[in-house]
Amino acid sequence: MLQESVSVTSGLILPAVEAAIFVHNLNHYFGTDAPKKQVLFDINLEIQASSLPSQLC
């Protein structure tokens, strides 16, 4: 998925880069019946390919 936005850092406009790994709005619960226990709340993560070892890409 290619991001359509740009990042702004210290007044410089940088082009958006496609993330190698991305997670958006992750929630996780333990249990199958009520009451379930929520342990992760709206987790967002993006890892760029340049941050990964070359064996993984």
PDB file of N, CA and C in Angstrom:
ATOM      1  N   MET A   1       0.857  -1.174   0.000  1.00  0.00           N
ATOM      2  CA  MET A   1       0.000   0.000   0.000  1.00  0.00           C
ATOM      3  C   MET A   1       0.898   1.231   0.000  1.00  0.00           C
ATOM      4  N   LEU A   2       0.731   2.100  -0.929  1.00  0.00           N
ATOM      5  CA  LEU A   2       1.526   3.315  -1.042  1.00  0.00           C
ATOM      6  C   LEU A   2       0.834   4.441  -0.302  1.00  0.00           C
ATOM      7  N   GLN A   3       1.592   5.096   0.571  1.00  0.00           N
ATOM      8  CA  GLN A   3       1.028   6.228   1.294  1.00  0.00           C
ATOM      9  C   GLN A   3       0.893   7.409   0.344  1.00  0.00           C
ATOM     10  N   GLU A   4      -0.170   8.156   0.500  1.00  0.00           N
ATOM     11  CA  GLU A   4      -0.385   9.313  -0.362  1.00  0.00           C
ATOM     12  C   GLU A   4      -0.005  10.617   0.325  1.00  0.00           C
ATOM     13  N   SER A   5       0.357  10.560   1.581  1.00  0.00           N
ATOM     14  CA  SER A   5       0.696  11.774   2.316  1.00  0.00           C
ATOM     15  C   SER A   5       2.199  12.022   2.271  1.00  0.00           C
ATOM     16  N   VAL A   6       2.600  13.149   2.809  1.00  0.00           N
ATOM     17  CA  VAL A   6       4.020  13.471   2.932  1.00  0.00           C
ATOM     18  C   VAL A   6       4.348  13.687   4.397  1.00  0.00           C
ATOM     19  N   SER A   7       5.611  13.486   4.730  1.00  0.00           N
ATOM     20  CA  SER A   7       6.076  13.722   6.091  1.00  0.00           C
ATOM     21  C   SER A   7       6.761  15.076   6.141  1.00  0.00           C
ATOM     22  N   VAL A   8       6.553  15.824   7.216  1.00  0.00           N
ATOM     23  CA  VAL A   8       7.201  17.121   7.378  1.00  0.00           C
ATOM     24  C   VAL A   8       8.093  17.048   8.606  1.00  0.00           C
ATOM     25  N   THR A   9       9.390  17.275   8.403  1.00  0.00           N
ATOM     26  CA  THR A   9      10.359  17.244   9.485  1.00  0.00           C
ATOM     27  C   THR A   9      11.256  18.470   9.381  1.00  0.00           C
ATOM     28  N   SER A  10      11.297  19.257  10.411  1.00  0.00           N
ATOM     29  CA  SER A  10      12.147  20.449  10.459  1.00  0.00           C
ATOM     30  C   SER A  10      11.949  21.352   9.243  1.00  0.00           C
ATOM     31  N   GLY A  11      10.736  21.484   8.765  1.00  0.00           N
ATOM     32  CA  GLY A  11      10.446  22.354   7.648  1.00  0.00           C
ATOM     33  C   GLY A  11      10.738  21.754   6.287  1.00  0.00           C
ATOM     34  N   LEU A  12      11.307  20.537   6.242  1.00  0.00           N
ATOM     35  CA  LEU A  12      11.592  19.883   4.977  1.00  0.00           C
ATOM     36  C   LEU A  12      10.419  18.972   4.621  1.00  0.00           C
ATOM     37  N   ILE A  13      10.001  18.975   3.376  1.00  0.00           N
ATOM     38  CA  ILE A  13       8.929  18.093   2.939  1.00  0.00           C
ATOM     39  C   ILE A  13       9.568  16.875   2.278  1.00  0.00           C
ATOM     40  N   LEU A  14       9.285  15.710   2.836  1.00  0.00           N
ATOM     41  CA  LEU A  14       9.855  14.471   2.341  1.00  0.00           C
ATOM     42  C   LEU A  14       8.776  13.664   1.625  1.00  0.00           C
ATOM     43  N   PRO A  15       9.125  12.961   0.553  1.00  0.00           N
ATOM     44  CA  PRO A  15       8.111  12.155  -0.137  1.00  0.00           C
ATOM     45  C   PRO A  15       7.688  10.972   0.722  1.00  0.00           C
ATOM     46  N   ALA A  16       6.442  10.557   0.562  1.00  0.00           N
ATOM     47  CA  ALA A  16       5.940   9.401   1.284  1.00  0.00           C
ATOM     48  C   ALA A  16       6.636   8.152   0.761  1.00  0.00           C
ATOM     49  N   VAL A  17       6.882   7.205   1.661  1.00  0.00           N
ATOM     50  CA  VAL A  17       7.581   5.972   1.322  1.00  0.00           C
ATOM     51  C   VAL A  17       6.688   4.798   1.684  1.00  0.00           C
ATOM     52  N   GLU A  18       6.683   3.794   0.843  1.00  0.00           N
ATOM     53  CA  GLU A  18       5.877   2.611   1.118  1.00  0.00           C
ATOM     54  C   GLU A  18       6.509   1.820   2.252  1.00  0.00           C
ATOM     55  N   ALA A  19       5.708   1.444   3.230  1.00  0.00           N
ATOM     56  CA  ALA A  19       6.186   0.659   4.365  1.00  0.00           C
ATOM     57  C   ALA A  19       6.297  -0.802   3.964  1.00  0.00           C
ATOM     58  N   ALA A  20       7.372  -1.483   4.434  1.00  0.00           N
ATOM     59  CA  ALA A  20       7.537  -2.908   4.178  1.00  0.00           C
ATOM     60  C   ALA A  20       6.599  -3.712   5.062  1.00  0.00           C
ATOM     61  N   ILE A  21       6.407  -3.258   6.294  1.00  0.00           N
ATOM     62  CA  ILE A  21       5.495  -3.894   7.247  1.00  0.00           C
ATOM     63  C   ILE A  21       4.635  -2.789   7.835  1.00  0.00           C
ATOM     64  N   PHE A  22       3.334  -2.996   7.839  1.00  0.00           N
ATOM     65  CA  PHE A  22       2.470  -2.000   8.453  1.00  0.00           C
ATOM     66  C   PHE A  22       1.303  -2.666   9.159  1.00  0.00           C
ATOM     67  N   VAL A  23       0.945  -2.077  10.288  1.00  0.00           N
ATOM     68  CA  VAL A  23      -0.192  -2.524  11.086  1.00  0.00           C
ATOM     69  C   VAL A  23      -0.954  -1.260  11.453  1.00  0.00           C
ATOM     70  N   HIS A  24      -2.259  -1.271  11.237  1.00  0.00           N
ATOM     71  CA  HIS A  24      -3.076  -0.112  11.584  1.00  0.00           C
ATOM     72  C   HIS A  24      -4.262  -0.551  12.423  1.00  0.00           C
ATOM     73  N   ASN A  25      -4.442   0.136  13.542  1.00  0.00           N
ATOM     74  CA  ASN A  25      -5.587  -0.068  14.430  1.00  0.00           C
ATOM     75  C   ASN A  25      -5.725  -1.512  14.904  1.00  0.00           C
ATOM     76  N   LEU A  26      -4.616  -2.096  15.351  1.00  0.00           N
ATOM     77  CA  LEU A  26      -4.630  -3.468  15.855  1.00  0.00           C
ATOM     78  C   LEU A  26      -5.194  -3.505  17.270  1.00  0.00           C
ATOM     79  N   ASN A  27      -6.152  -4.373  17.493  1.00  0.00           N
ATOM     80  CA  ASN A  27      -6.715  -4.635  18.814  1.00  0.00           C
ATOM     81  C   ASN A  27      -6.646  -6.136  19.033  1.00  0.00           C
ATOM     82  N   HIS A  28      -6.391  -6.565  20.275  1.00  0.00           N
ATOM     83  CA  HIS A  28      -6.358  -7.997  20.562  1.00  0.00           C
ATOM     84  C   HIS A  28      -7.037  -8.252  21.892  1.00  0.00           C
ATOM     85  N   TYR A  29      -7.782  -9.349  21.932  1.00  0.00           N
ATOM     86  CA  TYR A  29      -8.528  -9.734  23.131  1.00  0.00           C
ATOM     87  C   TYR A  29      -8.149 -11.151  23.515  1.00  0.00           C
ATOM     88  N   PHE A  30      -8.149 -11.465  24.821  1.00  0.00           N
ATOM     89  CA  PHE A  30      -8.027 -12.824  25.311  1.00  0.00           C
ATOM     90  C   PHE A  30      -9.393 -13.279  25.780  1.00  0.00           C
ATOM     91  N   GLY A  31      -9.725 -14.532  25.488  1.00  0.00           N
ATOM     92  CA  GLY A  31     -11.000 -15.089  25.898  1.00  0.00           C
ATOM     93  C   GLY A  31     -11.960 -15.174  24.735  1.00  0.00           C
ATOM     94  N   THR A  32     -12.861 -16.146  24.800  1.00  0.00           N
ATOM     95  CA  THR A  32     -13.838 -16.324  23.733  1.00  0.00           C
ATOM     96  C   THR A  32     -15.246 -15.966  24.193  1.00  0.00           C
ATOM     97  N   ASP A  33     -15.488 -16.031  25.470  1.00  0.00           N
ATOM     98  CA  ASP A  33     -16.797 -15.685  26.024  1.00  0.00           C
ATOM     99  C   ASP A  33     -16.686 -14.400  26.829  1.00  0.00           C
ATOM    100  N   ALA A  34     -17.827 -13.771  27.090  1.00  0.00           N
ATOM    101  CA  ALA A  34     -17.822 -12.566  27.922  1.00  0.00           C
ATOM    102  C   ALA A  34     -17.437 -12.960  29.343  1.00  0.00           C
ATOM    103  N   PRO A  35     -16.666 -12.219  30.065  1.00  0.00           N
ATOM    104  CA  PRO A  35     -16.023 -10.977  29.603  1.00  0.00           C
ATOM    105  C   PRO A  35     -14.674 -11.262  28.938  1.00  0.00           C
ATOM    106  N   LYS A  36     -14.440 -10.702  27.769  1.00  0.00           N
ATOM    107  CA  LYS A  36     -13.139 -10.796  27.115  1.00  0.00           C
ATOM    108  C   LYS A  36     -12.239  -9.713  27.698  1.00  0.00           C
ATOM    109  N   LYS A  37     -10.938  -9.956  27.686  1.00  0.00           N
ATOM    110  CA  LYS A  37      -9.967  -8.994  28.212  1.00  0.00           C
ATOM    111  C   LYS A  37      -9.186  -8.398  27.047  1.00  0.00           C
ATOM    112  N   GLN A  38      -9.349  -7.089  26.797  1.00  0.00           N
ATOM    113  CA  GLN A  38      -8.596  -6.421  25.737  1.00  0.00           C
ATOM    114  C   GLN A  38      -7.214  -6.075  26.252  1.00  0.00           C
ATOM    115  N   VAL A  39      -6.177  -6.480  25.486  1.00  0.00           N
ATOM    116  CA  VAL A  39      -4.794  -6.240  25.908  1.00  0.00           C
ATOM    117  C   VAL A  39      -4.025  -5.322  24.961  1.00  0.00           C
ATOM    118  N   LEU A  40      -4.481  -5.162  23.720  1.00  0.00           N
ATOM    119  CA  LEU A  40      -3.882  -4.218  22.783  1.00  0.00           C
ATOM    120  C   LEU A  40      -4.972  -3.264  22.304  1.00  0.00           C
ATOM    121  N   PHE A  41      -4.649  -1.978  22.289  1.00  0.00           N
ATOM    122  CA  PHE A  41      -5.621  -0.946  21.955  1.00  0.00           C
ATOM    123  C   PHE A  41      -5.103  -0.083  20.801  1.00  0.00           C
ATOM    124  N   ASP A  42      -5.700  -0.204  19.617  1.00  0.00           N
ATOM    125  CA  ASP A  42      -5.407   0.668  18.470  1.00  0.00           C
ATOM    126  C   ASP A  42      -3.912   0.861  18.224  1.00  0.00           C
ATOM    127  N   ILE A  43      -3.181  -0.230  18.060  1.00  0.00           N
ATOM    128  CA  ILE A  43      -1.737  -0.177  17.811  1.00  0.00           C
ATOM    129  C   ILE A  43      -1.497   0.132  16.339  1.00  0.00           C
ATOM    130  N   ASN A  44      -0.599   1.081  16.066  1.00  0.00           N
ATOM    131  CA  ASN A  44      -0.182   1.441  14.710  1.00  0.00           C
ATOM    132  C   ASN A  44       1.330   1.281  14.617  1.00  0.00           C
ATOM    133  N   LEU A  45       1.791   0.650  13.535  1.00  0.00           N
ATOM    134  CA  LEU A  45       3.219   0.394  13.360  1.00  0.00           C
ATOM    135  C   LEU A  45       3.539   0.415  11.881  1.00  0.00           C
ATOM    136  N   GLU A  46       4.603   1.089  11.505  1.00  0.00           N
ATOM    137  CA  GLU A  46       5.103   1.073  10.132  1.00  0.00           C
ATOM    138  C   GLU A  46       6.611   0.918  10.181  1.00  0.00           C
ATOM    139  N   ILE A  47       7.123  -0.069   9.456  1.00  0.00           N
ATOM    140  CA  ILE A  47       8.563  -0.323   9.387  1.00  0.00           C
ATOM    141  C   ILE A  47       8.974  -0.205   7.931  1.00  0.00           C
ATOM    142  N   GLN A  48       9.937   0.649   7.668  1.00  0.00           N
ATOM    143  CA  GLN A  48      10.434   0.865   6.307  1.00  0.00           C
ATOM    144  C   GLN A  48      11.393  -0.264   5.926  1.00  0.00           C
ATOM    145  N   ALA A  49      11.447  -0.598   4.656  1.00  0.00           N
ATOM    146  CA  ALA A  49      12.320  -1.662   4.159  1.00  0.00           C
ATOM    147  C   ALA A  49      13.781  -1.391   4.509  1.00  0.00           C
ATOM    148  N   SER A  50      14.180  -0.137   4.524  1.00  0.00           N
ATOM    149  CA  SER A  50      15.568   0.205   4.831  1.00  0.00           C
ATOM    150  C   SER A  50      15.938  -0.097   6.282  1.00  0.00           C
ATOM    151  N   SER A  51      14.929  -0.340   7.152  1.00  0.00           N
ATOM    152  CA  SER A  51      15.188  -0.658   8.549  1.00  0.00           C
ATOM    153  C   SER A  51      15.339  -2.153   8.787  1.00  0.00           C
ATOM    154  N   LEU A  52      15.073  -2.952   7.784  1.00  0.00           N
ATOM    155  CA  LEU A  52      15.113  -4.415   7.920  1.00  0.00           C
ATOM    156  C   LEU A  52      16.401  -4.978   7.360  1.00  0.00           C
ATOM    157  N   PRO A  53      16.873  -6.103   7.914  1.00  0.00           N
ATOM    158  CA  PRO A  53      18.026  -6.775   7.313  1.00  0.00           C
ATOM    159  C   PRO A  53      17.700  -7.224   5.880  1.00  0.00           C
ATOM    160  N   SER A  54      18.668  -7.212   5.004  1.00  0.00           N
ATOM    161  CA  SER A  54      18.414  -7.514   3.595  1.00  0.00           C
ATOM    162  C   SER A  54      17.881  -8.932   3.393  1.00  0.00           C
ATOM    163  N   GLN A  55      18.117  -9.859   4.324  1.00  0.00           N
ATOM    164  CA  GLN A  55      17.611 -11.228   4.192  1.00  0.00           C
ATOM    165  C   GLN A  55      16.096 -11.279   4.295  1.00  0.00           C
ATOM    166  N   LEU A  56      15.466 -10.276   4.906  1.00  0.00           N
ATOM    167  CA  LEU A  56      14.021 -10.276   5.073  1.00  0.00           C
ATOM    168  C   LEU A  56      13.290  -9.607   3.921  1.00  0.00           C
ATOM    169  N   CYS A  57      13.984  -8.849   3.111  1.00  0.00           N
ATOM    170  CA  CYS A  57      13.337  -8.103   2.025  1.00  0.00           C
ATOM    171  C   CYS A  57      13.390  -8.837   0.721  1.00  0.00           C
TER     172      CYS A  57
END
